[in-house]
Amino acid sequence: MAPAKIRVVVVDDSALVRGLLAEIINRQVDMTCVGAAADPLVAREMIRALNPDVVTLDVEMPRMDGIDFLSRLMRLRPMPVVMVSTLTERGAEVTLRALELGAVDFVAKPKLGVADGLNRLADDITDKIRAAARATVRRLAAAPAPGTAAAAPAAPPMGRVSTEKLVFIGASTGGTEATKEVLVEFPADMPAVLITQHMPPGFTTSYAKRLDSLCQLRVKEAVDGERVLPGHAYLAPGGLHLSVERSGANYLARVRDGAPVNRHKPSVEVLFGSAAQVVGPNAVGIMLTGMGADGAQAMRAMRDAGSYNVCQDEASCVVFGMPREAIARGAAHEVLPLGRIAAAVMAHLRNTVGGSMHRI
């Protein structure tokens, strides 16, 4: 018997976008669009009646915006949601808020040439719907309004950790929040952190600003050729690969265009591959939630070169794809819940002061 198709409800105030998304979904053998709603109030009744597996949700709509609707949905009836966002600065900020509220992922629709643009994104859209259908979704607790949350207590300083040390983070689906959870626990004198999060151009600028406002580290988009400094976290800009290279006593960030690797640009494989080649035993690798296998092979190469690697465990992942693949290749020293990863990394770094490698 054929497996049941993924049942999708599309919510968008544009009749054109609703029709295009329904058509893209219905072209797939493993999914079907069971309903399309022009606003959240209609969508609410449709979700009740049809009980879909995944909802695609426009960010800006009449009567109730997508964020208000998502917030209510994730408190009252948590389910996998893929946001359909616009490529604008406001669109990026609102989309990050949606991910904070529990949306699994997002697709950025072009401002111009919507029909051609969405059809070009058909594989991306349907991949994200498939990942969402398998994702672990948690009920949203009643939370304080944005900007009113209490600041995290300051982590104790790292103290004397070699400036040779670098921390590398790879993440995809669910990774914007997972990366934040790790970074906010790091102290201001942490060794430099380099991050590849699968994100399109236009969104990483807002994401880096948001992280910078929450973390003790300075967080910024990486710039090609800049020196990599302790106390800083460098995010791969959307649509460009990030890697690290050595120049005398310094590490430099390399930000370059190029072909997608494992269908991704930026790619975790590129960043982790450079860690294996350039940083070796002074590297710490962290693989967080994400769909697919990007970075798994390079993380194994990091381990073979002497790095210390941690993978997020299945129970705390939104999608246990990238960590599972890295674990399967023997890349992980430890597999930990998200909430324990930062502490494990800091403990490892403190135990390697003076060059004595701490073995797991």
Foldseek 3Di string as FASTA:
>chain_A
DDDAAQEEEEEALDPVVQVLLQVLQCVDPRHHHPYYHNHLVVVVVVCVVPVGQEYEAEQQHPPDGRLVSLLVCLQPPWHAYEYEFELDLVRLLSVLSSLVSWHQYYHYAYPPPRNVRVVVCSVVVVVSSVLRSVFDTHRGDDDDDPPPDDADPAAPALPQFDLLAEEEEEEEGSVLVLVLLQQQNHHQQAHEYEYEYFDAARNVQSSQVVSCVRHNARGGAADAFDWGGGSYYHYQGHQWEWAWADDVPTITIHTGHDDADVNTHHFLLRHLQRCLVHRQQSYEYEYAADAAATNLVSLQSSVVSNYAYEYEDPVQHRHCHNSVSNVVSVNHPYYYHSNCVNVVVSVQSSVCRPNDHDHD
